[in-house]
C-alpha cells in the first residue's frame, strides 16, 4: 500500500486485506526509489515493490512539481512491469489536478460549474467579475476542502490574488453554486454505485474533514448514471464523485476523487466499505 501506517482509512483497509489472508506492506510515497538497469526497480525504505501483487495508492502528498511527477512516473513504471496499481497512474494524473478533471468533465458533456484557471493576476481579477462576483478559490492540487475560500468581495479577492501572485500560484476559480449547504458523495467501485450519502455542512463547505455530517441517501437513476460516467471517464477502479445540486435541482459534478475517503459514508451503511474495496482488489489479481 502506498501510504504510511496509521490513519483511519489505511488501518481499515489493512485490516480488511489481512482478514482475507493478504500480507500488507506500506511504502511511503515520499521515500520511493527508482532504479534503471539495477534491482530492485522500485523500492521504499529498502523494501522492494517489484515483488508485490498489487499496489493500492492511499496517498500522494502535496509536493513540488518534480516530486509529484516522479511519484506518478514510478507508478507508470510499476504498471509497465505488470503490477496492478489501484487507482492507476493515469487515473491519478487525471484527478489530482482539478483543472484537468474539470476540462475532461466538460469535454465529455458532463455538467460541471463554470471555472476559470489562469496564472495571471489581471485575468484572475477579471474572472472574479465574469463568474458573478461569488467564486470558490481552490488550490489546483488539494483535498478535504483544505485551502478553499469563498470570495464575494472584490477588494478582498484582489488582495488574496496579489498574495498568491507572490507565491507563483495558479488561480483556480469556480462559480459558487447555491446548494443549501449540502452535496452528494457517490462512492463508485468496479463500475457500480456502492453507496451514496448527503453531506451537510454548517456552511458552504461540505467536506466531512471540515465538519460536515453524512446522511444515508438513495441516489436516483439519473444521478447514479452521472456518477458512474464521471468515474469511468477518468478510469478509476474506485472513486468518490462529488455532486452538487443547485437550488433549481440541476446537478453539477464538482470533483472525482481517485484516493477517496469514506469515513462519513461508512456511518450511513451496514456493510464494511473497506471490505468491499479489498474484495475488488483481490478480484483483480486473483480472478
Protein backbone atom coordinates (compact mmCIF):
# COMPACT_ATOMS: atom_id res chain seq x y z
CA UNK A 1 0.00 0.00 0.00
CA UNK A 2 1.39 3.42 -0.92
CA UNK A 3 0.83 5.08 2.45
CA UNK A 4 2.24 5.50 5.89
CA UNK A 5 0.90 3.06 8.52
CA UNK A 6 -1.85 4.62 10.60
CA UNK A 7 -4.74 6.82 9.64
CA UNK A 8 -8.34 5.63 9.74
CA UNK A 9 -8.68 4.63 6.08
CA UNK A 10 -5.30 2.89 5.91
CA UNK A 11 -5.99 0.90 9.08
CA UNK A 12 -9.45 -0.18 7.93
CA UNK A 13 -8.18 -1.26 4.52
CA UNK A 14 -5.19 -3.10 6.00
CA UNK A 15 -7.46 -4.97 8.44
CA UNK A 16 -9.81 -5.95 5.62
CA UNK A 17 -6.96 -7.24 3.46
CA UNK A 18 -5.33 -9.15 6.33
CA UNK A 19 -8.67 -10.78 7.20
CA UNK A 20 -8.57 -12.15 3.65
CA UNK A 21 -5.10 -13.62 4.10
CA UNK A 22 -3.12 -10.83 2.46
CA UNK A 23 0.26 -9.63 3.69
CA UNK A 24 0.32 -5.83 3.61
CA UNK A 25 3.45 -3.69 3.26
CA UNK A 26 3.47 0.11 3.47
CA UNK A 27 5.51 2.26 1.10
CA UNK A 28 5.81 5.95 1.93
CA UNK A 29 5.24 7.96 -1.25
CA UNK A 30 7.94 10.42 -0.13
CA UNK A 31 10.59 7.68 0.23
CA UNK A 32 10.34 5.99 -3.16
CA UNK A 33 13.48 4.91 -5.02
CA UNK A 34 13.52 4.01 -8.70
CA UNK A 35 16.35 2.16 -10.40
CA UNK A 36 17.14 1.65 -14.08
CA UNK A 37 19.39 -1.25 -15.16
CA UNK A 38 19.57 -2.29 -11.50
CA UNK A 39 17.36 -4.02 -8.96
CA UNK A 40 15.02 -3.54 -7.27
CA UNK A 41 13.48 -1.29 -9.89
CA UNK A 42 11.15 0.27 -7.31
CA UNK A 43 11.51 0.32 -3.55
CA UNK A 44 10.93 2.32 -0.37
CA UNK A 45 12.93 2.07 2.85
CA UNK A 46 14.84 -0.84 1.33
CA UNK A 47 11.70 -2.92 0.66
CA UNK A 48 11.18 -3.93 -2.97
CA UNK A 49 7.84 -3.05 -4.52
CA UNK A 50 8.65 -5.20 -7.56
CA UNK A 51 7.61 -8.38 -5.73
CA UNK A 52 4.11 -7.20 -4.77
CA UNK A 53 0.97 -8.49 -6.46
CA UNK A 54 -0.79 -5.12 -6.33
CA UNK A 55 -0.24 -1.61 -5.03
CA UNK A 56 -3.14 0.34 -3.53
CA UNK A 57 -2.36 4.07 -3.58
CA UNK A 58 -3.69 5.78 -0.46
CA UNK A 59 -1.60 8.92 -0.58
CA UNK A 60 0.16 11.27 -2.99
CA UNK A 61 1.21 14.08 -0.62
CA UNK A 62 1.40 17.66 -1.85
CA UNK A 63 4.94 18.36 -3.06
CA UNK A 64 6.95 20.14 -5.73
CA UNK A 65 6.09 19.52 -9.37
CA UNK A 66 9.24 17.40 -9.83
CA UNK A 67 8.39 15.24 -6.81
CA UNK A 68 4.81 14.65 -7.95
CA UNK A 69 5.93 13.81 -11.50
CA UNK A 70 8.49 11.33 -10.19
CA UNK A 71 5.98 9.58 -7.94
CA UNK A 72 3.49 9.17 -10.78
CA UNK A 73 6.29 8.14 -13.18
CA UNK A 74 7.19 5.33 -10.79
CA UNK A 75 3.57 4.19 -10.71
CA UNK A 76 3.63 4.04 -14.51
CA UNK A 77 6.86 2.00 -14.33
CA UNK A 78 5.28 -0.46 -11.94
CA UNK A 79 2.32 -0.87 -14.27
CA UNK A 80 4.71 -1.45 -17.19
CA UNK A 81 6.28 -4.21 -15.09
CA UNK A 82 2.88 -5.89 -14.76
CA UNK A 83 1.97 -4.74 -11.24
CA UNK A 84 -1.67 -3.79 -10.75
CA UNK A 85 -1.83 -0.24 -9.33
CA UNK A 86 -5.13 0.90 -7.79
CA UNK A 87 -6.02 3.51 -8.77
CA UNK A 88 -3.89 3.60 -11.91
CA UNK A 89 -1.25 6.23 -12.55
CA UNK A 90 -3.37 7.57 -15.40
CA UNK A 91 -6.45 7.92 -13.19
CA UNK A 92 -4.44 9.70 -10.51
CA UNK A 93 -2.96 12.09 -13.09
CA UNK A 94 -6.44 12.97 -14.30
CA UNK A 95 -7.91 13.59 -10.85
CA UNK A 96 -5.10 15.06 -8.77
CA UNK A 97 -5.21 18.16 -11.00
CA UNK A 98 -8.55 19.95 -10.62
CA UNK A 99 -8.27 21.77 -13.95
CA UNK A 100 -7.55 18.54 -15.81
CA UNK A 101 -10.57 16.91 -14.17
CA UNK A 102 -12.89 19.84 -14.87
CA UNK A 103 -11.85 20.04 -18.51
CA UNK A 104 -12.35 16.30 -19.02
CA UNK A 105 -15.82 16.52 -17.47
CA UNK A 106 -16.87 19.37 -19.75
CA UNK A 107 -15.34 17.80 -22.87
CA UNK A 108 -17.34 14.63 -22.18
CA UNK A 109 -20.57 16.61 -21.81
CA UNK A 110 -20.94 16.19 -18.05
CA UNK A 111 -22.32 19.21 -16.18
CA UNK A 112 -19.69 20.97 -14.10
CA UNK A 113 -19.57 24.55 -12.74
CA UNK A 114 -18.11 27.37 -14.82
CA UNK A 115 -14.43 27.53 -13.99
CA UNK A 116 -11.60 29.86 -14.98
CA UNK A 117 -7.95 28.93 -14.43
CA UNK A 118 -5.06 31.30 -15.00
CA UNK A 119 -1.58 32.25 -13.81
CA UNK A 120 -2.20 35.97 -14.43
CA UNK A 121 -3.41 38.36 -11.72
CA UNK A 122 -5.30 40.58 -14.20
CA UNK A 123 -7.09 37.60 -15.70
CA UNK A 124 -7.99 36.33 -12.22
CA UNK A 125 -9.41 39.72 -11.29
CA UNK A 126 -11.48 39.76 -14.47
CA UNK A 127 -12.61 36.19 -13.85
CA UNK A 128 -13.98 37.18 -10.44
CA UNK A 129 -16.45 39.50 -12.18
CA UNK A 130 -17.12 37.14 -15.08
CA UNK A 131 -18.16 34.42 -12.62
CA UNK A 132 -20.63 36.73 -10.90
CA UNK A 133 -18.56 38.06 -8.01
CA UNK A 134 -19.20 34.95 -5.95
CA UNK A 135 -16.48 32.37 -6.52
CA UNK A 136 -14.74 29.46 -4.87
CA UNK A 137 -10.96 29.74 -4.96
CA UNK A 138 -9.37 26.29 -4.79
CA UNK A 139 -5.79 25.04 -4.83
CA UNK A 140 -5.09 23.24 -8.10
CA UNK A 141 -3.81 20.29 -6.07
CA UNK A 142 -5.64 19.65 -2.82
CA UNK A 143 -8.22 17.59 -0.96
CA UNK A 144 -10.59 17.57 2.02
CA UNK A 145 -11.55 21.20 1.41
CA UNK A 146 -8.16 22.46 2.57
CA UNK A 147 -7.20 25.85 1.15
CA UNK A 148 -10.62 26.54 -0.35
CA UNK A 149 -12.08 30.03 0.05
CA UNK A 150 -15.35 31.62 -0.97
CA UNK A 151 -14.82 35.16 -2.23
CA UNK A 152 -17.69 37.63 -2.54
CA UNK A 153 -15.87 40.93 -2.03
CA UNK A 154 -13.82 42.33 -4.93
CA UNK A 155 -11.30 44.19 -2.75
CA UNK A 156 -10.63 41.11 -0.61
CA UNK A 157 -10.37 38.95 -3.73
CA UNK A 158 -7.79 41.31 -5.23
CA UNK A 159 -5.68 41.27 -2.05
CA UNK A 160 -5.73 37.48 -1.93
CA UNK A 161 -4.89 37.27 -5.64
CA UNK A 162 -1.87 39.54 -5.07
CA UNK A 163 -0.68 37.35 -2.21
CA UNK A 164 -0.99 34.25 -4.38
CA UNK A 165 0.86 36.04 -7.17
CA UNK A 166 3.93 36.34 -4.93
CA UNK A 167 3.99 32.57 -4.50
CA UNK A 168 3.53 31.96 -8.24
CA UNK A 169 0.32 30.04 -7.66
CA UNK A 170 -2.28 29.16 -10.26
CA UNK A 171 -5.71 30.73 -9.77
CA UNK A 172 -8.45 28.09 -9.97
CA UNK A 173 -11.74 29.95 -9.72
CA UNK A 174 -15.12 28.26 -9.83
CA UNK A 175 -18.55 29.86 -9.76
CA UNK A 176 -20.38 29.33 -6.50
CA UNK A 177 -23.46 27.14 -6.90
CA UNK A 178 -26.03 27.91 -4.15
CA UNK A 179 -26.85 24.47 -2.71
CA UNK A 180 -28.30 24.97 0.77
CA UNK A 181 -25.02 23.78 2.33
CA UNK A 182 -25.21 20.15 1.22
CA UNK A 183 -23.88 17.99 -1.57
CA UNK A 184 -23.64 14.33 -2.59
CA UNK A 185 -20.74 11.90 -2.23
CA UNK A 186 -21.28 8.94 -4.57
CA UNK A 187 -18.84 6.09 -4.00
CA UNK A 188 -18.22 4.07 -7.15
CA UNK A 189 -16.45 0.70 -7.06
CA UNK A 190 -15.81 -1.54 -10.04
CA UNK A 191 -18.19 0.38 -12.28
CA UNK A 192 -21.08 0.14 -9.81
CA UNK A 193 -22.51 2.54 -7.26
CA UNK A 194 -21.50 1.12 -3.88
CA UNK A 195 -23.21 3.74 -1.72
CA UNK A 196 -24.05 7.42 -1.57
CA UNK A 197 -24.56 9.97 1.15
CA UNK A 198 -25.75 13.52 1.58
CA UNK A 199 -23.03 15.63 3.20
CA UNK A 200 -24.47 18.52 5.19
CA UNK A 201 -22.18 21.28 6.35
CA UNK A 202 -22.52 24.12 8.83
CA UNK A 203 -21.68 26.45 5.95
CA UNK A 204 -20.91 26.22 2.25
CA UNK A 205 -18.09 23.67 2.79
CA UNK A 206 -19.48 20.13 2.79
CA UNK A 207 -16.31 18.11 3.29
CA UNK A 208 -16.53 15.62 6.16
CA UNK A 209 -12.95 16.58 7.07
CA UNK A 210 -14.26 20.13 7.58
CA UNK A 211 -17.04 19.06 9.94
CA UNK A 212 -19.91 18.12 7.62
CA UNK A 213 -22.13 15.22 8.66
CA UNK A 214 -23.12 12.35 6.39
CA UNK A 215 -26.67 11.06 5.96
CA UNK A 216 -27.82 7.98 4.06
CA UNK A 217 -29.03 8.78 0.57
CA UNK A 218 -30.74 6.65 -2.06
CA UNK A 219 -29.42 8.06 -5.30
CA UNK A 220 -31.92 8.28 -8.17
CA UNK A 221 -31.09 6.65 -11.52
CA UNK A 222 -30.11 9.90 -13.23
CA UNK A 223 -27.61 10.91 -10.55
CA UNK A 224 -26.31 7.34 -10.35
CA UNK A 225 -25.66 7.36 -14.10
CA UNK A 226 -23.90 10.73 -13.78
CA UNK A 227 -21.61 9.44 -11.02
CA UNK A 228 -20.78 6.27 -12.97
CA UNK A 229 -19.97 8.27 -16.11
CA UNK A 230 -17.68 10.60 -14.17
CA UNK A 231 -15.79 7.74 -12.51
CA UNK A 232 -15.48 5.85 -15.80
CA UNK A 233 -14.28 8.96 -17.62
CA UNK A 234 -11.09 9.13 -15.56
CA UNK A 235 -10.58 5.37 -15.46
CA UNK A 236 -10.86 4.69 -11.72
CA UNK A 237 -11.32 1.31 -10.05
CA UNK A 238 -12.94 3.15 -7.16
CA UNK A 239 -13.76 6.80 -6.74
CA UNK A 240 -15.62 9.36 -4.72
CA UNK A 241 -17.71 11.53 -7.04
CA UNK A 242 -18.85 14.82 -5.54
CA UNK A 243 -22.07 16.23 -6.98
CA UNK A 244 -23.84 19.44 -6.01
CA UNK A 245 -27.44 20.23 -6.95
CA UNK A 246 -28.41 23.84 -7.45
CA UNK A 247 -31.47 25.28 -5.79
CA UNK A 248 -33.24 24.70 -9.12
CA UNK A 249 -32.33 21.00 -8.94
CA UNK A 250 -29.66 20.99 -11.64
CA UNK A 251 -26.73 18.64 -10.83
CA UNK A 252 -23.07 19.55 -11.30
CA UNK A 253 -20.06 17.27 -10.85
CA UNK A 254 -17.56 19.12 -8.67
CA UNK A 255 -14.74 16.58 -8.42
CA UNK A 256 -13.77 12.98 -8.94
CA UNK A 257 -11.52 11.71 -6.16
CA UNK A 258 -9.18 8.83 -7.03
CA UNK A 259 -7.98 8.49 -3.41
CA UNK A 260 -11.38 8.93 -1.79
CA UNK A 261 -12.23 8.87 1.88
CA UNK A 262 -15.29 7.04 3.19
CA UNK A 263 -15.26 7.78 6.91
CA UNK A 264 -18.55 9.67 6.84
CA UNK A 265 -20.12 7.36 4.29
CA UNK A 266 -19.33 4.33 6.47
CA UNK A 267 -21.65 5.67 9.18
CA UNK A 268 -24.58 5.51 6.76
CA UNK A 269 -24.28 1.86 5.65
CA UNK A 270 -24.30 -1.50 7.44
CA UNK A 271 -21.61 -3.23 5.34
CA UNK A 272 -17.84 -2.68 5.53
CA UNK A 273 -16.70 -0.40 2.72
CA UNK A 274 -13.04 -1.31 3.25
CA UNK A 275 -14.00 -4.96 2.89
CA UNK A 276 -15.73 -4.24 -0.41
CA UNK A 277 -12.61 -2.47 -1.69
CA UNK A 278 -10.43 -5.37 -0.53
CA UNK A 279 -12.66 -7.86 -2.34
CA UNK A 280 -12.43 -5.78 -5.51
CA UNK A 281 -8.63 -5.61 -5.30
CA UNK A 282 -8.35 -9.34 -4.79
CA UNK A 283 -10.73 -9.95 -7.68
CA UNK A 284 -8.33 -8.06 -9.94
CA UNK A 285 -5.27 -10.10 -9.00
CA UNK A 286 -6.90 -13.45 -8.18
CA UNK A 287 -9.53 -14.00 -10.88
